[in-house]
Amino acid sequence: KIPILRTIYSAIGQMTQSFTKSSKEESSVVLLEYPRKGIWAVGFATGDNKGVISDKVKEELINVFLPTTPNPTSGFLLMVPKKELIYLDVTFEQASKFIVSAGTSDMN
């Protein structure tokens, strides 16, 4: 009944539908060094970057949505070299809970 929580809950539901996969494909949850080396962030791989951007940088890029805490509906779109990503064996829901809780819950 609290408006801001309803908005966040609704947005998380929409993101869950977008990012979860019904088959046993590779997880979309990734770990990347951001905003600099040695600092780690959890993000969501949304797909391969094909077209003019990856052609210009001449590298295989993955589009990554990096959500912000505590509102994961806002964030950054990053185009990250595939070789710099670590795919995590966790669900979208586990990663979302970790992000929304500002890291106070585990991703087990």
N, C-alpha and C. Protein backbone atom coordinates (compact mmCIF):
# COMPACT_ATOMS: atom_id res chain seq x y z
N LYS A 1 0.80 -1.19 0.00
CA LYS A 1 0.00 0.00 0.00
C LYS A 1 0.85 1.26 0.00
N ILE A 2 2.14 1.14 0.27
CA ILE A 2 3.03 2.29 0.24
C ILE A 2 3.43 2.53 -1.22
N PRO A 3 3.14 3.73 -1.75
CA PRO A 3 3.34 3.98 -3.19
C PRO A 3 4.74 3.67 -3.71
N ILE A 4 5.78 4.10 -3.03
CA ILE A 4 7.13 3.87 -3.55
C ILE A 4 7.48 2.39 -3.56
N LEU A 5 7.07 1.66 -2.52
CA LEU A 5 7.35 0.22 -2.49
C LEU A 5 6.57 -0.51 -3.57
N ARG A 6 5.34 -0.07 -3.82
CA ARG A 6 4.52 -0.68 -4.88
C ARG A 6 5.21 -0.47 -6.23
N THR A 7 5.75 0.72 -6.46
CA THR A 7 6.44 1.02 -7.71
C THR A 7 7.68 0.13 -7.87
N ILE A 8 8.46 0.02 -6.80
CA ILE A 8 9.68 -0.81 -6.85
C ILE A 8 9.30 -2.27 -7.06
N TYR A 9 8.31 -2.76 -6.34
CA TYR A 9 7.88 -4.16 -6.47
C TYR A 9 7.41 -4.44 -7.89
N SER A 10 6.62 -3.55 -8.45
CA SER A 10 6.11 -3.72 -9.82
C SER A 10 7.26 -3.74 -10.83
N ALA A 11 8.20 -2.83 -10.67
CA ALA A 11 9.34 -2.77 -11.59
C ALA A 11 10.21 -4.01 -11.49
N ILE A 12 10.40 -4.50 -10.26
CA ILE A 12 11.19 -5.73 -10.08
C ILE A 12 10.50 -6.90 -10.77
N GLY A 13 9.17 -6.96 -10.66
CA GLY A 13 8.42 -8.01 -11.34
C GLY A 13 8.61 -7.97 -12.84
N GLN A 14 8.57 -6.77 -13.42
CA GLN A 14 8.78 -6.62 -14.86
C GLN A 14 10.20 -7.02 -15.24
N MET A 15 11.18 -6.61 -14.44
CA MET A 15 12.57 -6.97 -14.73
C MET A 15 12.77 -8.47 -14.62
N THR A 16 12.12 -9.08 -13.63
CA THR A 16 12.24 -10.53 -13.45
C THR A 16 11.77 -11.25 -14.70
N GLN A 17 10.63 -10.82 -15.23
CA GLN A 17 10.11 -11.45 -16.45
C GLN A 17 11.07 -11.25 -17.61
N SER A 18 11.72 -10.11 -17.68
CA SER A 18 12.63 -9.82 -18.79
C SER A 18 13.93 -10.60 -18.70
N PHE A 19 14.47 -10.74 -17.48
CA PHE A 19 15.81 -11.30 -17.33
C PHE A 19 15.86 -12.79 -17.04
N THR A 20 14.79 -13.36 -16.50
CA THR A 20 14.84 -14.79 -16.20
C THR A 20 14.65 -15.60 -17.47
N LYS A 21 15.23 -16.77 -17.45
CA LYS A 21 15.17 -17.66 -18.62
C LYS A 21 14.47 -18.94 -18.21
N SER A 22 13.62 -19.42 -19.07
CA SER A 22 12.86 -20.63 -18.74
C SER A 22 13.69 -21.89 -18.95
N SER A 23 14.66 -21.85 -19.83
CA SER A 23 15.47 -23.04 -20.08
C SER A 23 16.72 -23.01 -19.21
N LYS A 24 17.54 -24.02 -19.33
CA LYS A 24 18.75 -24.13 -18.53
C LYS A 24 19.93 -23.40 -19.19
N GLU A 25 19.66 -22.24 -19.78
CA GLU A 25 20.71 -21.47 -20.42
C GLU A 25 21.62 -20.85 -19.37
N GLU A 26 22.73 -20.28 -19.83
CA GLU A 26 23.67 -19.62 -18.94
C GLU A 26 22.97 -18.48 -18.21
N SER A 27 23.32 -18.30 -16.95
CA SER A 27 22.74 -17.25 -16.13
C SER A 27 22.98 -15.87 -16.74
N SER A 28 22.05 -14.95 -16.50
CA SER A 28 22.24 -13.58 -16.97
C SER A 28 22.89 -12.71 -15.90
N VAL A 29 23.14 -13.27 -14.72
CA VAL A 29 23.75 -12.51 -13.63
C VAL A 29 25.26 -12.54 -13.82
N VAL A 30 25.86 -11.34 -13.84
CA VAL A 30 27.29 -11.24 -14.08
C VAL A 30 27.97 -10.41 -13.00
N LEU A 31 29.25 -10.64 -12.87
CA LEU A 31 30.11 -9.87 -11.98
C LEU A 31 31.10 -9.15 -12.87
N LEU A 32 31.29 -7.85 -12.62
CA LEU A 32 32.25 -7.10 -13.42
C LEU A 32 32.95 -6.09 -12.54
N GLU A 33 34.14 -5.71 -12.97
CA GLU A 33 34.88 -4.70 -12.25
C GLU A 33 34.38 -3.34 -12.70
N TYR A 34 33.72 -2.63 -11.77
CA TYR A 34 33.14 -1.32 -12.08
C TYR A 34 32.98 -0.57 -10.78
N PRO A 35 33.33 0.66 -10.68
CA PRO A 35 33.73 1.61 -11.71
C PRO A 35 35.22 1.61 -12.03
N ARG A 36 35.99 0.76 -11.33
CA ARG A 36 37.42 0.65 -11.65
C ARG A 36 37.91 -0.74 -11.27
N LYS A 37 39.11 -1.07 -11.66
CA LYS A 37 39.71 -2.36 -11.32
C LYS A 37 39.75 -2.54 -9.81
N GLY A 38 39.40 -3.73 -9.35
CA GLY A 38 39.43 -4.04 -7.93
C GLY A 38 38.13 -3.76 -7.20
N ILE A 39 37.19 -3.09 -7.86
CA ILE A 39 35.86 -2.83 -7.29
C ILE A 39 34.88 -3.65 -8.11
N TRP A 40 34.05 -4.46 -7.44
CA TRP A 40 33.17 -5.40 -8.15
C TRP A 40 31.71 -4.98 -8.05
N ALA A 41 30.96 -5.24 -9.11
CA ALA A 41 29.54 -4.93 -9.17
C ALA A 41 28.79 -6.10 -9.78
N VAL A 42 27.54 -6.27 -9.35
CA VAL A 42 26.66 -7.30 -9.89
C VAL A 42 25.76 -6.64 -10.93
N GLY A 43 25.67 -7.26 -12.10
CA GLY A 43 24.82 -6.73 -13.15
C GLY A 43 24.08 -7.86 -13.86
N PHE A 44 23.31 -7.48 -14.87
CA PHE A 44 22.53 -8.44 -15.64
C PHE A 44 22.87 -8.33 -17.12
N ALA A 45 23.39 -9.42 -17.68
CA ALA A 45 23.69 -9.45 -19.11
C ALA A 45 22.37 -9.51 -19.86
N THR A 46 22.15 -8.54 -20.74
CA THR A 46 20.87 -8.48 -21.45
C THR A 46 20.99 -8.97 -22.89
N GLY A 47 22.21 -9.21 -23.36
CA GLY A 47 22.37 -9.75 -24.70
C GLY A 47 23.68 -9.34 -25.34
N ASP A 48 23.97 -9.95 -26.46
CA ASP A 48 25.16 -9.61 -27.23
C ASP A 48 24.97 -8.24 -27.87
N ASN A 49 26.04 -7.47 -27.91
CA ASN A 49 26.00 -6.18 -28.58
C ASN A 49 26.44 -6.39 -30.01
N LYS A 50 25.50 -6.27 -30.92
CA LYS A 50 25.80 -6.49 -32.34
C LYS A 50 25.55 -5.19 -33.08
N GLY A 51 26.40 -4.91 -34.04
CA GLY A 51 26.17 -3.72 -34.83
C GLY A 51 27.31 -2.74 -34.77
N VAL A 52 26.97 -1.48 -34.91
CA VAL A 52 27.96 -0.44 -35.11
C VAL A 52 28.93 -0.29 -33.93
N ILE A 53 28.45 -0.44 -32.71
CA ILE A 53 29.33 -0.23 -31.55
C ILE A 53 30.39 -1.32 -31.47
N SER A 54 29.97 -2.58 -31.50
CA SER A 54 30.96 -3.67 -31.42
C SER A 54 31.86 -3.68 -32.65
N ASP A 55 31.33 -3.27 -33.80
CA ASP A 55 32.15 -3.18 -35.01
C ASP A 55 33.24 -2.12 -34.84
N LYS A 56 32.90 -0.99 -34.25
CA LYS A 56 33.86 0.10 -34.08
C LYS A 56 34.97 -0.26 -33.10
N VAL A 57 34.62 -0.93 -32.01
CA VAL A 57 35.65 -1.26 -31.01
C VAL A 57 36.35 -2.58 -31.34
N LYS A 58 35.83 -3.30 -32.33
CA LYS A 58 36.43 -4.56 -32.79
C LYS A 58 36.64 -5.54 -31.64
N GLU A 59 35.57 -5.71 -30.85
CA GLU A 59 35.62 -6.61 -29.71
C GLU A 59 34.22 -7.16 -29.49
N GLU A 60 34.15 -8.39 -28.96
CA GLU A 60 32.86 -8.99 -28.63
C GLU A 60 32.35 -8.36 -27.34
N LEU A 61 31.25 -7.62 -27.44
CA LEU A 61 30.69 -6.91 -26.30
C LEU A 61 29.38 -7.54 -25.86
N ILE A 62 29.11 -7.44 -24.56
CA ILE A 62 27.85 -7.88 -23.99
C ILE A 62 27.19 -6.64 -23.36
N ASN A 63 25.90 -6.46 -23.63
CA ASN A 63 25.16 -5.38 -22.98
C ASN A 63 24.86 -5.81 -21.56
N VAL A 64 25.19 -4.96 -20.60
CA VAL A 64 24.99 -5.26 -19.19
C VAL A 64 24.22 -4.12 -18.55
N PHE A 65 23.12 -4.48 -17.89
CA PHE A 65 22.39 -3.49 -17.10
C PHE A 65 22.92 -3.57 -15.68
N LEU A 66 23.43 -2.45 -15.18
CA LEU A 66 23.97 -2.38 -13.84
C LEU A 66 23.00 -1.58 -12.97
N PRO A 67 22.18 -2.28 -12.16
CA PRO A 67 21.17 -1.59 -11.36
C PRO A 67 21.78 -0.85 -10.18
N THR A 68 21.04 0.14 -9.69
CA THR A 68 21.49 0.89 -8.52
C THR A 68 20.74 0.42 -7.29
N THR A 69 21.32 0.69 -6.13
CA THR A 69 20.72 0.32 -4.85
C THR A 69 20.09 1.57 -4.24
N PRO A 70 18.96 1.55 -3.61
CA PRO A 70 18.10 0.41 -3.37
C PRO A 70 17.04 0.23 -4.46
N ASN A 71 17.02 1.11 -5.46
CA ASN A 71 16.01 1.04 -6.51
C ASN A 71 16.61 0.43 -7.77
N PRO A 72 16.46 -0.87 -7.98
CA PRO A 72 17.11 -1.52 -9.12
C PRO A 72 16.47 -1.21 -10.47
N THR A 73 15.41 -0.39 -10.47
CA THR A 73 14.81 -0.02 -11.75
C THR A 73 15.60 1.07 -12.44
N SER A 74 16.47 1.75 -11.69
CA SER A 74 17.37 2.71 -12.32
C SER A 74 18.75 2.08 -12.35
N GLY A 75 19.58 2.55 -13.24
CA GLY A 75 20.91 1.99 -13.35
C GLY A 75 21.59 2.46 -14.61
N PHE A 76 22.59 1.70 -15.02
CA PHE A 76 23.42 2.06 -16.17
C PHE A 76 23.41 0.94 -17.20
N LEU A 77 23.44 1.32 -18.45
CA LEU A 77 23.67 0.35 -19.52
C LEU A 77 25.14 0.43 -19.88
N LEU A 78 25.84 -0.67 -19.71
CA LEU A 78 27.26 -0.74 -20.04
C LEU A 78 27.46 -1.75 -21.16
N MET A 79 28.41 -1.51 -22.02
CA MET A 79 28.78 -2.46 -23.06
C MET A 79 30.17 -2.96 -22.69
N VAL A 80 30.23 -4.21 -22.22
CA VAL A 80 31.42 -4.75 -21.59
C VAL A 80 32.01 -5.85 -22.46
N PRO A 81 33.34 -5.85 -22.64
CA PRO A 81 33.96 -6.97 -23.35
C PRO A 81 33.62 -8.28 -22.64
N LYS A 82 33.21 -9.26 -23.42
CA LYS A 82 32.78 -10.55 -22.87
C LYS A 82 33.85 -11.17 -21.98
N LYS A 83 35.10 -11.01 -22.35
CA LYS A 83 36.20 -11.62 -21.59
C LYS A 83 36.36 -11.00 -20.20
N GLU A 84 35.72 -9.86 -19.95
CA GLU A 84 35.84 -9.19 -18.65
C GLU A 84 34.68 -9.50 -17.71
N LEU A 85 33.75 -10.35 -18.14
CA LEU A 85 32.60 -10.70 -17.32
C LEU A 85 32.78 -12.07 -16.68
N ILE A 86 32.28 -12.19 -15.47
CA ILE A 86 32.22 -13.48 -14.78
C ILE A 86 30.74 -13.79 -14.60
N TYR A 87 30.28 -14.90 -15.20
CA TYR A 87 28.88 -15.30 -15.07
C TYR A 87 28.71 -16.04 -13.75
N LEU A 88 27.72 -15.60 -12.97
CA LEU A 88 27.47 -16.19 -11.65
C LEU A 88 26.37 -17.24 -11.74
N ASP A 89 26.50 -18.27 -10.95
CA ASP A 89 25.51 -19.34 -10.91
C ASP A 89 24.48 -19.03 -9.83
N VAL A 90 23.77 -17.92 -10.02
CA VAL A 90 22.70 -17.52 -9.11
C VAL A 90 21.51 -17.07 -9.96
N THR A 91 20.34 -17.06 -9.36
CA THR A 91 19.15 -16.64 -10.09
C THR A 91 19.03 -15.12 -10.10
N PHE A 92 18.20 -14.65 -11.01
CA PHE A 92 17.91 -13.22 -11.07
C PHE A 92 17.32 -12.76 -9.74
N GLU A 93 16.44 -13.57 -9.16
CA GLU A 93 15.80 -13.20 -7.90
C GLU A 93 16.83 -13.07 -6.78
N GLN A 94 17.78 -14.00 -6.69
CA GLN A 94 18.81 -13.93 -5.66
C GLN A 94 19.66 -12.67 -5.82
N ALA A 95 20.04 -12.37 -7.04
CA ALA A 95 20.86 -11.18 -7.29
C ALA A 95 20.07 -9.91 -7.00
N SER A 96 18.79 -9.88 -7.37
CA SER A 96 17.95 -8.70 -7.12
C SER A 96 17.81 -8.45 -5.62
N LYS A 97 17.60 -9.51 -4.86
CA LYS A 97 17.47 -9.37 -3.41
C LYS A 97 18.77 -8.81 -2.82
N PHE A 98 19.90 -9.29 -3.31
CA PHE A 98 21.21 -8.81 -2.86
C PHE A 98 21.36 -7.31 -3.15
N ILE A 99 20.96 -6.89 -4.34
CA ILE A 99 21.09 -5.49 -4.74
C ILE A 99 20.14 -4.60 -3.95
N VAL A 100 18.86 -4.99 -3.85
CA VAL A 100 17.87 -4.17 -3.15
C VAL A 100 18.22 -4.04 -1.67
N SER A 101 18.79 -5.09 -1.08
CA SER A 101 19.14 -5.07 0.34
C SER A 101 20.47 -4.37 0.59
N ALA A 102 21.07 -3.80 -0.44
CA ALA A 102 22.37 -3.12 -0.31
C ALA A 102 23.45 -4.08 0.20
N GLY A 103 23.34 -5.34 -0.21
CA GLY A 103 24.35 -6.33 0.14
C GLY A 103 24.19 -6.97 1.50
N THR A 104 23.08 -6.70 2.18
CA THR A 104 22.90 -7.29 3.51
C THR A 104 22.39 -8.73 3.45
N SER A 105 21.84 -9.15 2.30
CA SER A 105 21.42 -10.55 2.15
C SER A 105 22.44 -11.28 1.28
N ASP A 106 22.56 -12.57 1.49
CA ASP A 106 23.50 -13.38 0.71
C ASP A 106 22.91 -13.78 -0.62
N MET A 107 23.78 -14.14 -1.55
CA MET A 107 23.33 -14.67 -2.84
C MET A 107 23.55 -16.18 -2.86
N ASN A 108 23.00 -16.89 -1.90
CA ASN A 108 23.14 -18.35 -1.84
C ASN A 108 21.94 -19.02 -2.44
